[in-house]
Amino acid sequence: MKKLFKSIPLVLISFLSVTSMAAVSDELPDRGPIPFANYDQDENGFISEQEFTQVRSERMAMKAAQGRPMKGAGNSPSFEAFDKDHDGQLTQEELIAGQQVQMQNRSGTQGQSSKMGQGRSQGAGMGKNSNMPHFSELDINGDGIILEQEFYNARAARITKRAEQGYPMRNIANAPSFADIDTDGDAQVSATEFAEHQVKHRQQMMQK
């Protein structure tokens, strides 16, 4: 009888651990950038290296369990690559900036691959990030912020240029408005707001 009571706490702990892991896995997106909230498990507003490594490992385990390929997993940027001020923790801005760089690097790699014998028509459709503009393209005067008129002027010029180059203009009607990106409603878009919106957009595209 004593052995039975001793075993109950162990069983309960194991059950709670499995349940907790399952809950985390359910919340983790199976593709696309991992949101800050998933990394910040203790909700203190920062991501420790342990949290960063643990959540990334959980996602890899989740992909493996689903039988999904993990291309480029070994080339994923390290915690140090995100931690620009080297204080041993990541802010939301550092995470978003790092994810933005990672997305741009992947877009560049996909663009180079498309030019190596796959032809323009296939290359133009490769990767859902290849059509995403960089902040500098919309910040016409280079002052570090994007105003509403600047945003729409730059977008119109970009659409015209890409149309002339023969790129298909898919989903233009679904393009985000200035207000969608200006999350704090101050009538200007910062680099952080822009990067955060692109990360969310990529997550949505990857879920489709």
N, C-alpha and C. Protein backbone atom coordinates (compact mmCIF):
# COMPACT_ATOMS: atom_id res chain seq x y z
N MET A 1 0.84 -1.20 0.00
CA MET A 1 0.00 0.00 0.00
C MET A 1 0.87 1.25 0.00
N LYS A 2 1.98 1.23 0.82
CA LYS A 2 2.89 2.36 0.88
C LYS A 2 3.55 2.59 -0.47
N LYS A 3 3.89 1.47 -1.14
CA LYS A 3 4.52 1.59 -2.47
C LYS A 3 3.58 2.25 -3.46
N LEU A 4 2.27 1.95 -3.31
CA LEU A 4 1.27 2.52 -4.21
C LEU A 4 1.22 4.03 -4.04
N PHE A 5 1.20 4.48 -2.76
CA PHE A 5 1.13 5.92 -2.51
C PHE A 5 2.40 6.63 -2.95
N LYS A 6 3.56 5.94 -2.81
CA LYS A 6 4.82 6.54 -3.25
C LYS A 6 4.86 6.70 -4.76
N SER A 7 4.22 5.78 -5.46
CA SER A 7 4.27 5.81 -6.93
C SER A 7 3.32 6.85 -7.52
N ILE A 8 2.27 7.22 -6.75
CA ILE A 8 1.28 8.17 -7.27
C ILE A 8 1.91 9.53 -7.61
N PRO A 9 2.73 10.12 -6.70
CA PRO A 9 3.34 11.41 -7.06
C PRO A 9 4.19 11.34 -8.32
N LEU A 10 4.94 10.22 -8.48
CA LEU A 10 5.79 10.08 -9.66
C LEU A 10 4.95 10.02 -10.93
N VAL A 11 3.85 9.27 -10.86
CA VAL A 11 2.96 9.17 -12.02
C VAL A 11 2.34 10.53 -12.33
N LEU A 12 1.94 11.24 -11.25
CA LEU A 12 1.32 12.55 -11.43
C LEU A 12 2.29 13.54 -12.05
N ILE A 13 3.55 13.53 -11.58
CA ILE A 13 4.57 14.43 -12.12
C ILE A 13 4.81 14.14 -13.59
N SER A 14 4.91 12.84 -13.92
CA SER A 14 5.12 12.45 -15.31
C SER A 14 3.97 12.91 -16.18
N PHE A 15 2.75 12.72 -15.67
CA PHE A 15 1.56 13.12 -16.43
C PHE A 15 1.54 14.62 -16.68
N LEU A 16 1.86 15.40 -15.62
CA LEU A 16 1.86 16.85 -15.77
C LEU A 16 2.93 17.31 -16.73
N SER A 17 4.08 16.64 -16.72
CA SER A 17 5.17 17.01 -17.62
C SER A 17 4.77 16.78 -19.07
N VAL A 18 4.17 15.61 -19.32
CA VAL A 18 3.74 15.28 -20.68
C VAL A 18 2.66 16.25 -21.14
N THR A 19 1.71 16.55 -20.21
CA THR A 19 0.63 17.48 -20.54
C THR A 19 1.18 18.86 -20.86
N SER A 20 2.17 19.31 -20.05
CA SER A 20 2.77 20.61 -20.27
C SER A 20 3.46 20.68 -21.61
N MET A 21 4.23 19.63 -21.94
CA MET A 21 4.94 19.58 -23.22
C MET A 21 3.96 19.59 -24.38
N ALA A 22 2.85 18.87 -24.22
CA ALA A 22 1.85 18.81 -25.28
C ALA A 22 1.23 20.17 -25.51
N ALA A 23 0.99 20.90 -24.38
CA ALA A 23 0.40 22.22 -24.49
C ALA A 23 1.32 23.18 -25.23
N VAL A 24 2.64 23.10 -24.89
CA VAL A 24 3.61 23.96 -25.56
C VAL A 24 3.67 23.64 -27.03
N SER A 25 3.67 22.33 -27.36
CA SER A 25 3.74 21.91 -28.76
C SER A 25 2.53 22.37 -29.54
N ASP A 26 1.35 22.37 -28.87
CA ASP A 26 0.13 22.81 -29.54
C ASP A 26 0.21 24.29 -29.89
N GLU A 27 0.85 25.08 -29.02
CA GLU A 27 0.93 26.52 -29.23
C GLU A 27 2.01 26.89 -30.23
N LEU A 28 3.04 26.08 -30.35
CA LEU A 28 4.14 26.38 -31.27
C LEU A 28 3.69 26.25 -32.72
N PRO A 29 3.96 27.25 -33.55
CA PRO A 29 3.66 27.08 -34.98
C PRO A 29 4.61 26.04 -35.57
N ASP A 30 4.12 25.19 -36.46
CA ASP A 30 4.99 24.14 -36.99
C ASP A 30 5.87 24.64 -38.12
N ARG A 31 5.67 25.88 -38.54
CA ARG A 31 6.54 26.47 -39.56
C ARG A 31 6.51 27.99 -39.43
N GLY A 32 7.47 28.64 -40.05
CA GLY A 32 7.54 30.09 -39.95
C GLY A 32 8.25 30.53 -38.67
N PRO A 33 8.50 31.83 -38.51
CA PRO A 33 9.18 32.33 -37.32
C PRO A 33 8.41 32.02 -36.04
N ILE A 34 9.13 31.71 -34.98
CA ILE A 34 8.50 31.43 -33.69
C ILE A 34 8.23 32.76 -32.97
N PRO A 35 6.99 33.02 -32.54
CA PRO A 35 6.66 34.28 -31.87
C PRO A 35 7.41 34.46 -30.55
N PHE A 36 7.58 35.70 -30.15
CA PHE A 36 8.28 36.04 -28.91
C PHE A 36 7.63 35.37 -27.72
N ALA A 37 6.29 35.36 -27.68
CA ALA A 37 5.57 34.80 -26.54
C ALA A 37 5.88 33.32 -26.32
N ASN A 38 6.15 32.59 -27.40
CA ASN A 38 6.49 31.18 -27.26
C ASN A 38 7.87 30.99 -26.63
N TYR A 39 8.78 31.87 -26.99
CA TYR A 39 10.13 31.79 -26.42
C TYR A 39 10.15 32.23 -24.96
N ASP A 40 9.42 33.30 -24.65
CA ASP A 40 9.44 33.88 -23.31
C ASP A 40 8.54 33.07 -22.38
N GLN A 41 9.01 31.92 -21.97
CA GLN A 41 8.17 30.98 -21.22
C GLN A 41 7.86 31.45 -19.81
N ASP A 42 8.77 32.20 -19.20
CA ASP A 42 8.48 32.69 -17.85
C ASP A 42 7.82 34.07 -17.87
N GLU A 43 7.56 34.58 -19.07
CA GLU A 43 6.84 35.85 -19.27
C GLU A 43 7.47 37.02 -18.51
N ASN A 44 8.80 37.08 -18.53
CA ASN A 44 9.48 38.20 -17.87
C ASN A 44 9.88 39.30 -18.86
N GLY A 45 9.47 39.13 -20.12
CA GLY A 45 9.77 40.16 -21.11
C GLY A 45 11.10 39.99 -21.82
N PHE A 46 11.81 38.91 -21.50
CA PHE A 46 13.09 38.62 -22.14
C PHE A 46 13.18 37.14 -22.47
N ILE A 47 14.07 36.80 -23.39
CA ILE A 47 14.31 35.39 -23.74
C ILE A 47 15.72 35.03 -23.30
N SER A 48 15.84 34.05 -22.42
CA SER A 48 17.16 33.58 -22.01
C SER A 48 17.68 32.59 -23.05
N GLU A 49 18.97 32.31 -22.98
CA GLU A 49 19.55 31.35 -23.93
C GLU A 49 18.93 29.97 -23.74
N GLN A 50 18.63 29.62 -22.47
CA GLN A 50 18.01 28.33 -22.19
C GLN A 50 16.62 28.24 -22.83
N GLU A 51 15.83 29.30 -22.69
CA GLU A 51 14.49 29.32 -23.30
C GLU A 51 14.59 29.22 -24.82
N PHE A 52 15.52 29.97 -25.38
CA PHE A 52 15.72 29.99 -26.83
C PHE A 52 16.04 28.58 -27.34
N THR A 53 17.00 27.93 -26.67
CA THR A 53 17.43 26.60 -27.10
C THR A 53 16.33 25.56 -26.89
N GLN A 54 15.64 25.65 -25.75
CA GLN A 54 14.60 24.68 -25.43
C GLN A 54 13.44 24.74 -26.41
N VAL A 55 12.96 25.94 -26.70
CA VAL A 55 11.82 26.08 -27.61
C VAL A 55 12.19 25.65 -29.02
N ARG A 56 13.39 26.03 -29.44
CA ARG A 56 13.83 25.62 -30.78
C ARG A 56 13.94 24.09 -30.86
N SER A 57 14.43 23.46 -29.79
CA SER A 57 14.54 22.00 -29.76
C SER A 57 13.16 21.35 -29.80
N GLU A 58 12.20 21.95 -29.09
CA GLU A 58 10.83 21.42 -29.08
C GLU A 58 10.23 21.46 -30.49
N ARG A 59 10.51 22.55 -31.20
CA ARG A 59 9.97 22.66 -32.54
C ARG A 59 10.60 21.60 -33.47
N MET A 60 11.90 21.37 -33.33
CA MET A 60 12.56 20.36 -34.15
C MET A 60 12.01 18.98 -33.84
N ALA A 61 11.75 18.72 -32.55
CA ALA A 61 11.18 17.43 -32.15
C ALA A 61 9.78 17.27 -32.72
N MET A 62 9.02 18.37 -32.74
CA MET A 62 7.67 18.34 -33.27
C MET A 62 7.69 18.04 -34.77
N LYS A 63 8.63 18.65 -35.49
CA LYS A 63 8.76 18.39 -36.93
C LYS A 63 9.16 16.95 -37.18
N ALA A 64 10.09 16.45 -36.36
CA ALA A 64 10.55 15.07 -36.53
C ALA A 64 9.40 14.10 -36.30
N ALA A 65 8.56 14.39 -35.29
CA ALA A 65 7.42 13.52 -34.99
C ALA A 65 6.41 13.52 -36.13
N GLN A 66 6.34 14.63 -36.86
CA GLN A 66 5.42 14.74 -37.99
C GLN A 66 6.02 14.18 -39.27
N GLY A 67 7.30 13.79 -39.19
CA GLY A 67 7.97 13.25 -40.37
C GLY A 67 8.31 14.31 -41.39
N ARG A 68 8.42 15.55 -40.95
CA ARG A 68 8.71 16.64 -41.88
C ARG A 68 10.21 16.83 -42.03
N PRO A 69 10.67 17.21 -43.24
CA PRO A 69 12.10 17.45 -43.45
C PRO A 69 12.55 18.68 -42.67
N MET A 70 13.79 18.69 -42.23
CA MET A 70 14.33 19.82 -41.48
C MET A 70 15.54 20.37 -42.21
N LYS A 71 15.29 20.88 -43.41
CA LYS A 71 16.37 21.42 -44.23
C LYS A 71 16.96 22.67 -43.57
N GLY A 72 18.28 22.71 -43.54
CA GLY A 72 18.96 23.89 -43.03
C GLY A 72 18.92 24.04 -41.53
N ALA A 73 18.48 23.00 -40.81
CA ALA A 73 18.40 23.11 -39.35
C ALA A 73 19.77 23.38 -38.75
N GLY A 74 20.80 22.77 -39.35
CA GLY A 74 22.15 22.96 -38.84
C GLY A 74 22.70 24.35 -39.09
N ASN A 75 22.06 25.09 -39.99
CA ASN A 75 22.52 26.44 -40.32
C ASN A 75 21.70 27.53 -39.64
N SER A 76 20.82 27.13 -38.73
CA SER A 76 19.99 28.12 -38.03
C SER A 76 20.88 29.05 -37.21
N PRO A 77 20.59 30.35 -37.19
CA PRO A 77 21.42 31.29 -36.43
C PRO A 77 21.40 30.97 -34.94
N SER A 78 22.52 31.21 -34.30
CA SER A 78 22.67 30.92 -32.87
C SER A 78 22.03 32.02 -32.03
N PHE A 79 21.93 31.75 -30.73
CA PHE A 79 21.43 32.74 -29.79
C PHE A 79 22.27 34.01 -29.86
N GLU A 80 23.60 33.83 -29.96
CA GLU A 80 24.51 34.97 -30.00
C GLU A 80 24.26 35.85 -31.22
N ALA A 81 23.83 35.24 -32.32
CA ALA A 81 23.56 36.01 -33.53
C ALA A 81 22.39 36.97 -33.34
N PHE A 82 21.45 36.60 -32.46
CA PHE A 82 20.30 37.46 -32.16
C PHE A 82 20.63 38.49 -31.08
N ASP A 83 21.49 38.09 -30.14
CA ASP A 83 21.80 38.92 -28.97
C ASP A 83 22.83 39.99 -29.34
N LYS A 84 22.36 41.05 -29.99
CA LYS A 84 23.26 42.06 -30.54
C LYS A 84 24.01 42.85 -29.47
N ASP A 85 23.40 43.06 -28.30
CA ASP A 85 24.09 43.82 -27.27
C ASP A 85 24.85 42.92 -26.29
N HIS A 86 24.82 41.62 -26.54
CA HIS A 86 25.60 40.63 -25.77
C HIS A 86 25.33 40.72 -24.26
N ASP A 87 24.05 40.89 -23.90
CA ASP A 87 23.72 40.94 -22.48
C ASP A 87 23.15 39.62 -21.97
N GLY A 88 23.17 38.59 -22.82
CA GLY A 88 22.72 37.26 -22.40
C GLY A 88 21.23 37.05 -22.42
N GLN A 89 20.49 37.98 -23.01
CA GLN A 89 19.04 37.84 -23.12
C GLN A 89 18.55 38.60 -24.36
N LEU A 90 17.41 38.17 -24.87
CA LEU A 90 16.87 38.79 -26.08
C LEU A 90 15.62 39.60 -25.75
N THR A 91 15.56 40.80 -26.29
CA THR A 91 14.33 41.59 -26.23
C THR A 91 13.47 41.22 -27.44
N GLN A 92 12.23 41.66 -27.44
CA GLN A 92 11.36 41.39 -28.58
C GLN A 92 11.93 42.03 -29.85
N GLU A 93 12.51 43.22 -29.70
CA GLU A 93 13.09 43.91 -30.86
C GLU A 93 14.26 43.13 -31.43
N GLU A 94 15.11 42.57 -30.57
CA GLU A 94 16.25 41.79 -31.05
C GLU A 94 15.79 40.53 -31.78
N LEU A 95 14.77 39.87 -31.24
CA LEU A 95 14.25 38.65 -31.88
C LEU A 95 13.68 38.98 -33.26
N ILE A 96 12.85 40.01 -33.33
CA ILE A 96 12.23 40.38 -34.61
C ILE A 96 13.27 40.79 -35.64
N ALA A 97 14.26 41.58 -35.19
CA ALA A 97 15.32 42.01 -36.11
C ALA A 97 16.10 40.81 -36.64
N GLY A 98 16.40 39.85 -35.75
CA GLY A 98 17.13 38.65 -36.17
C GLY A 98 16.32 37.80 -37.13
N GLN A 99 15.03 37.67 -36.86
CA GLN A 99 14.16 36.88 -37.74
C GLN A 99 14.02 37.56 -39.10
N GLN A 100 14.01 38.89 -39.09
CA GLN A 100 13.92 39.63 -40.35
C GLN A 100 15.16 39.38 -41.21
N VAL A 101 16.33 39.42 -40.59
CA VAL A 101 17.58 39.15 -41.31
C VAL A 101 17.58 37.73 -41.86
N GLN A 102 17.12 36.79 -41.04
CA GLN A 102 17.05 35.39 -41.46
C GLN A 102 16.13 35.22 -42.67
N MET A 103 14.98 35.89 -42.65
CA MET A 103 14.04 35.82 -43.77
C MET A 103 14.66 36.39 -45.04
N GLN A 104 15.37 37.52 -44.91
CA GLN A 104 16.00 38.14 -46.08
C GLN A 104 17.11 37.27 -46.64
N ASN A 105 17.87 36.63 -45.74
CA ASN A 105 18.94 35.74 -46.20
C ASN A 105 18.37 34.56 -46.96
N ARG A 106 17.27 34.01 -46.47
CA ARG A 106 16.64 32.88 -47.16
C ARG A 106 16.09 33.31 -48.51
N SER A 107 15.54 34.52 -48.57
CA SER A 107 15.02 35.02 -49.84
C SER A 107 16.14 35.14 -50.86
N GLY A 108 17.30 35.65 -50.41
CA GLY A 108 18.44 35.79 -51.30
C GLY A 108 18.94 34.47 -51.80
N THR A 109 18.98 33.47 -50.91
CA THR A 109 19.43 32.13 -51.30
C THR A 109 18.49 31.51 -52.31
N GLN A 110 17.18 31.69 -52.09
CA GLN A 110 16.20 31.14 -53.02
C GLN A 110 16.30 31.82 -54.38
N GLY A 111 16.58 33.14 -54.37
CA GLY A 111 16.69 33.86 -55.62
C GLY A 111 17.89 33.38 -56.43
N GLN A 112 19.01 33.11 -55.75
CA GLN A 112 20.20 32.61 -56.43
C GLN A 112 19.96 31.23 -57.00
N SER A 113 19.25 30.39 -56.25
CA SER A 113 18.96 29.03 -56.72
C SER A 113 18.09 29.07 -57.96
N SER A 114 17.15 30.01 -57.99
CA SER A 114 16.23 30.07 -59.12
C SER A 114 16.94 30.47 -60.40
N LYS A 115 18.04 31.22 -60.26
CA LYS A 115 18.78 31.66 -61.44
C LYS A 115 19.69 30.57 -62.00
N MET A 116 19.93 29.55 -61.22
CA MET A 116 20.86 28.50 -61.64
C MET A 116 20.12 27.40 -62.38
N GLY A 117 19.46 27.76 -63.47
CA GLY A 117 18.92 26.75 -64.36
C GLY A 117 17.46 26.41 -64.19
N GLN A 118 16.76 27.06 -63.27
CA GLN A 118 15.36 26.72 -63.09
C GLN A 118 14.44 27.64 -63.87
N GLY A 119 14.99 28.73 -64.42
CA GLY A 119 14.18 29.60 -65.25
C GLY A 119 13.43 30.64 -64.45
N ARG A 120 13.11 31.74 -65.10
CA ARG A 120 12.46 32.85 -64.41
C ARG A 120 11.07 32.49 -63.90
N SER A 121 10.29 31.79 -64.69
CA SER A 121 8.90 31.54 -64.30
C SER A 121 8.82 30.75 -63.02
N GLN A 122 9.72 29.77 -62.86
CA GLN A 122 9.70 28.98 -61.63
C GLN A 122 10.33 29.77 -60.50
N GLY A 123 11.41 30.48 -60.83
CA GLY A 123 12.11 31.22 -59.79
C GLY A 123 11.26 32.33 -59.21
N ALA A 124 10.44 32.95 -60.05
CA ALA A 124 9.61 34.06 -59.56
C ALA A 124 8.63 33.59 -58.52
N GLY A 125 8.23 32.34 -58.59
CA GLY A 125 7.26 31.83 -57.63
C GLY A 125 7.89 31.11 -56.47
N MET A 126 9.21 30.99 -56.48
CA MET A 126 9.88 30.27 -55.40
C MET A 126 9.86 31.09 -54.13
N GLY A 127 9.49 30.46 -53.03
CA GLY A 127 9.60 31.13 -51.75
C GLY A 127 8.59 32.25 -51.59
N LYS A 128 7.89 32.21 -50.50
CA LYS A 128 6.85 33.21 -50.29
C LYS A 128 7.42 34.51 -49.77
N ASN A 129 8.75 34.54 -49.46
CA ASN A 129 9.34 35.76 -48.97
C ASN A 129 9.91 36.62 -50.08
N SER A 130 10.07 36.04 -51.28
CA SER A 130 10.76 36.75 -52.35
C SER A 130 10.03 38.01 -52.77
N ASN A 131 8.71 38.10 -52.53
CA ASN A 131 7.94 39.28 -52.91
C ASN A 131 7.82 40.29 -51.79
N MET A 132 8.45 40.02 -50.66
CA MET A 132 8.33 40.92 -49.52
C MET A 132 9.38 42.03 -49.61
N PRO A 133 8.95 43.30 -49.54
CA PRO A 133 9.90 44.41 -49.66
C PRO A 133 10.75 44.58 -48.41
N HIS A 134 11.88 45.23 -48.55
CA HIS A 134 12.71 45.59 -47.41
C HIS A 134 12.29 46.97 -46.91
N PHE A 135 12.58 47.24 -45.66
CA PHE A 135 12.22 48.53 -45.06
C PHE A 135 12.79 49.69 -45.87
N SER A 136 14.04 49.55 -46.31
CA SER A 136 14.72 50.62 -47.03
C SER A 136 14.03 50.96 -48.36
N GLU A 137 13.33 50.00 -48.94
CA GLU A 137 12.63 50.26 -50.20
C GLU A 137 11.45 51.21 -50.01
N LEU A 138 10.84 51.16 -48.83
CA LEU A 138 9.67 52.00 -48.56
C LEU A 138 10.04 53.30 -47.85
N ASP A 139 11.19 53.29 -47.17
CA ASP A 139 11.67 54.51 -46.50
C ASP A 139 12.41 55.36 -47.53
N ILE A 140 11.66 56.05 -48.36
CA ILE A 140 12.22 56.74 -49.52
C ILE A 140 13.27 57.79 -49.14
N ASN A 141 13.00 58.58 -48.10
CA ASN A 141 13.95 59.64 -47.74
C ASN A 141 15.00 59.18 -46.74
N GLY A 142 14.94 57.92 -46.33
CA GLY A 142 15.98 57.35 -45.48
C GLY A 142 16.07 57.94 -44.09
N ASP A 143 14.93 58.41 -43.54
CA ASP A 143 14.96 59.01 -42.21
C ASP A 143 14.64 58.02 -41.09
N GLY A 144 14.47 56.75 -41.44
CA GLY A 144 14.26 55.73 -40.42
C GLY A 144 12.81 55.47 -40.07
N ILE A 145 11.89 56.20 -40.69
CA ILE A 145 10.45 55.97 -40.49
C ILE A 145 9.75 56.04 -41.85
N ILE A 146 8.58 55.42 -41.94
CA ILE A 146 7.80 55.44 -43.18
C ILE A 146 6.47 56.14 -42.90
N LEU A 147 6.22 57.22 -43.62
CA LEU A 147 4.94 57.92 -43.51
C LEU A 147 3.94 57.31 -44.49
N GLU A 148 2.66 57.61 -44.29
CA GLU A 148 1.62 56.96 -45.09
C GLU A 148 1.77 57.25 -46.58
N GLN A 149 1.99 58.51 -46.96
CA GLN A 149 2.13 58.85 -48.37
C GLN A 149 3.38 58.19 -48.96
N GLU A 150 4.44 58.19 -48.17
CA GLU A 150 5.69 57.55 -48.58
C GLU A 150 5.47 56.06 -48.83
N PHE A 151 4.70 55.44 -47.95
CA PHE A 151 4.41 54.01 -48.04
C PHE A 151 3.71 53.68 -49.35
N TYR A 152 2.64 54.43 -49.67
CA TYR A 152 1.87 54.11 -50.87
C TYR A 152 2.60 54.51 -52.15
N ASN A 153 3.38 55.59 -52.11
CA ASN A 153 4.17 55.97 -53.28
C ASN A 153 5.22 54.90 -53.60
N ALA A 154 5.91 54.43 -52.56
CA ALA A 154 6.94 53.41 -52.74
C ALA A 154 6.33 52.10 -53.21
N ARG A 155 5.17 51.75 -52.65
CA ARG A 155 4.51 50.50 -53.06
C ARG A 155 4.10 50.57 -54.54
N ALA A 156 3.55 51.70 -54.96
CA ALA A 156 3.12 51.85 -56.36
C ALA A 156 4.31 51.73 -57.30
N ALA A 157 5.43 52.35 -56.92
CA ALA A 157 6.63 52.29 -57.75
C ALA A 157 7.17 50.87 -57.82
N ARG A 158 7.11 50.17 -56.69
CA ARG A 158 7.61 48.79 -56.65
C ARG A 158 6.75 47.86 -57.50
N ILE A 159 5.44 48.02 -57.42
CA ILE A 159 4.52 47.18 -58.21
C ILE A 159 4.75 47.42 -59.71
N THR A 160 4.91 48.69 -60.08
CA THR A 160 5.15 49.01 -61.49
C THR A 160 6.45 48.37 -61.98
N LYS A 161 7.49 48.47 -61.17
CA LYS A 161 8.79 47.91 -61.55
C LYS A 161 8.72 46.40 -61.72
N ARG A 162 8.08 45.73 -60.77
CA ARG A 162 8.00 44.27 -60.83
C ARG A 162 7.11 43.81 -61.99
N ALA A 163 6.08 44.58 -62.30
CA ALA A 163 5.22 44.24 -63.44
C ALA A 163 6.00 44.35 -64.74
N GLU A 164 6.85 45.38 -64.84
CA GLU A 164 7.67 45.56 -66.03
C GLU A 164 8.69 44.44 -66.18
N GLN A 165 9.11 43.86 -65.05
CA GLN A 165 10.08 42.77 -65.08
C GLN A 165 9.42 41.42 -65.36
N GLY A 166 8.10 41.43 -65.46
CA GLY A 166 7.39 40.20 -65.80
C GLY A 166 6.98 39.34 -64.63
N TYR A 167 7.07 39.87 -63.41
CA TYR A 167 6.65 39.10 -62.25
C TYR A 167 5.12 39.09 -62.15
N PRO A 168 4.53 37.96 -61.79
CA PRO A 168 3.07 37.92 -61.62
C PRO A 168 2.66 38.73 -60.40
N MET A 169 1.64 39.52 -60.53
CA MET A 169 1.17 40.37 -59.45
C MET A 169 0.03 39.70 -58.69
N ARG A 170 0.39 38.65 -57.95
CA ARG A 170 -0.62 37.90 -57.21
C ARG A 170 -0.93 38.58 -55.87
N ASN A 171 -2.17 38.47 -55.46
CA ASN A 171 -2.60 38.88 -54.11
C ASN A 171 -2.39 40.37 -53.82
N ILE A 172 -2.35 41.20 -54.87
CA ILE A 172 -2.21 42.64 -54.62
C ILE A 172 -3.39 43.17 -53.81
N ALA A 173 -4.56 42.62 -54.08
CA ALA A 173 -5.76 43.07 -53.37
C ALA A 173 -5.69 42.76 -51.88
N ASN A 174 -4.86 41.77 -51.51
CA ASN A 174 -4.74 41.38 -50.10
C ASN A 174 -3.54 42.03 -49.42
N ALA A 175 -2.86 42.93 -50.11
CA ALA A 175 -1.69 43.58 -49.52
C ALA A 175 -2.10 44.38 -48.29
N PRO A 176 -1.29 44.38 -47.24
CA PRO A 176 -1.65 45.09 -46.01
C PRO A 176 -1.71 46.60 -46.22
N SER A 177 -2.58 47.25 -45.50
CA SER A 177 -2.67 48.71 -45.56
C SER A 177 -1.63 49.32 -44.62
N PHE A 178 -1.45 50.62 -44.73
CA PHE A 178 -0.53 51.33 -43.84
C PHE A 178 -0.97 51.14 -42.39
N ALA A 179 -2.27 51.23 -42.15
CA ALA A 179 -2.80 51.09 -40.78
C ALA A 179 -2.53 49.71 -40.21
N ASP A 180 -2.50 48.68 -41.05
CA ASP A 180 -2.22 47.33 -40.58
C ASP A 180 -0.82 47.24 -39.98
N ILE A 181 0.12 47.98 -40.56
CA ILE A 181 1.52 47.91 -40.12
C ILE A 181 1.79 48.90 -39.00
N ASP A 182 1.09 50.03 -39.01
CA ASP A 182 1.26 51.06 -37.98
C ASP A 182 0.49 50.65 -36.73
N THR A 183 1.04 49.71 -36.00
CA THR A 183 0.32 49.08 -34.89
C THR A 183 0.07 50.02 -33.72
N ASP A 184 0.93 51.03 -33.52
CA ASP A 184 0.70 51.94 -32.39
C ASP A 184 -0.10 53.18 -32.80
N GLY A 185 -0.49 53.26 -34.08
CA GLY A 185 -1.36 54.33 -34.55
C GLY A 185 -0.79 55.72 -34.48
N ASP A 186 0.55 55.86 -34.59
CA ASP A 186 1.16 57.19 -34.50
C ASP A 186 1.42 57.82 -35.87
N ALA A 187 0.81 57.25 -36.91
CA ALA A 187 0.90 57.78 -38.29
C ALA A 187 2.28 57.65 -38.90
N GLN A 188 3.09 56.76 -38.37
CA GLN A 188 4.38 56.46 -38.97
C GLN A 188 4.77 55.03 -38.62
N VAL A 189 5.50 54.39 -39.52
CA VAL A 189 5.91 53.00 -39.31
C VAL A 189 7.40 52.96 -39.02
N SER A 190 7.75 52.39 -37.88
CA SER A 190 9.16 52.24 -37.52
C SER A 190 9.71 50.95 -38.11
N ALA A 191 11.03 50.80 -38.06
CA ALA A 191 11.65 49.58 -38.57
C ALA A 191 11.19 48.37 -37.78
N THR A 192 10.96 48.56 -36.47
CA THR A 192 10.50 47.46 -35.63
C THR A 192 9.09 47.03 -36.00
N GLU A 193 8.19 47.99 -36.18
CA GLU A 193 6.82 47.67 -36.59
C GLU A 193 6.81 46.94 -37.94
N PHE A 194 7.63 47.44 -38.85
CA PHE A 194 7.69 46.85 -40.19
C PHE A 194 8.19 45.40 -40.12
N ALA A 195 9.27 45.19 -39.36
CA ALA A 195 9.83 43.85 -39.23
C ALA A 195 8.86 42.90 -38.55
N GLU A 196 8.18 43.40 -37.50
CA GLU A 196 7.22 42.57 -36.78
C GLU A 196 6.06 42.15 -37.69
N HIS A 197 5.59 43.07 -38.52
CA HIS A 197 4.50 42.75 -39.43
C HIS A 197 4.94 41.71 -40.45
N GLN A 198 6.17 41.82 -40.96
CA GLN A 198 6.63 40.85 -41.95
C GLN A 198 6.78 39.46 -41.34
N VAL A 199 7.23 39.41 -40.09
CA VAL A 199 7.33 38.11 -39.41
C VAL A 199 5.95 37.48 -39.29
N LYS A 200 4.95 38.26 -38.88
CA LYS A 200 3.58 37.74 -38.75
C LYS A 200 3.03 37.32 -40.11
N HIS A 201 3.33 38.12 -41.13
CA HIS A 201 2.86 37.81 -42.47
C HIS A 201 3.46 36.49 -42.95
N ARG A 202 4.73 36.30 -42.67
CA ARG A 202 5.38 35.04 -43.06
C ARG A 202 4.75 33.85 -42.34
N GLN A 203 4.44 34.03 -41.06
CA GLN A 203 3.79 32.95 -40.30
C GLN A 203 2.46 32.59 -40.93
N GLN A 204 1.69 33.59 -41.31
CA GLN A 204 0.38 33.33 -41.92
C GLN A 204 0.52 32.63 -43.26
N MET A 205 1.50 33.03 -44.06
CA MET A 205 1.72 32.42 -45.36
C MET A 205 2.17 30.97 -45.22
N MET A 206 2.99 30.71 -44.21
CA MET A 206 3.50 29.36 -44.01
C MET A 206 2.42 28.41 -43.51
N GLN A 207 1.39 28.97 -42.88
CA GLN A 207 0.30 28.14 -42.37
C GLN A 207 -0.68 27.73 -43.46
N LYS A 208 -0.60 28.39 -44.64
CA LYS A 208 -1.55 28.11 -45.72
C LYS A 208 -1.12 26.88 -46.51
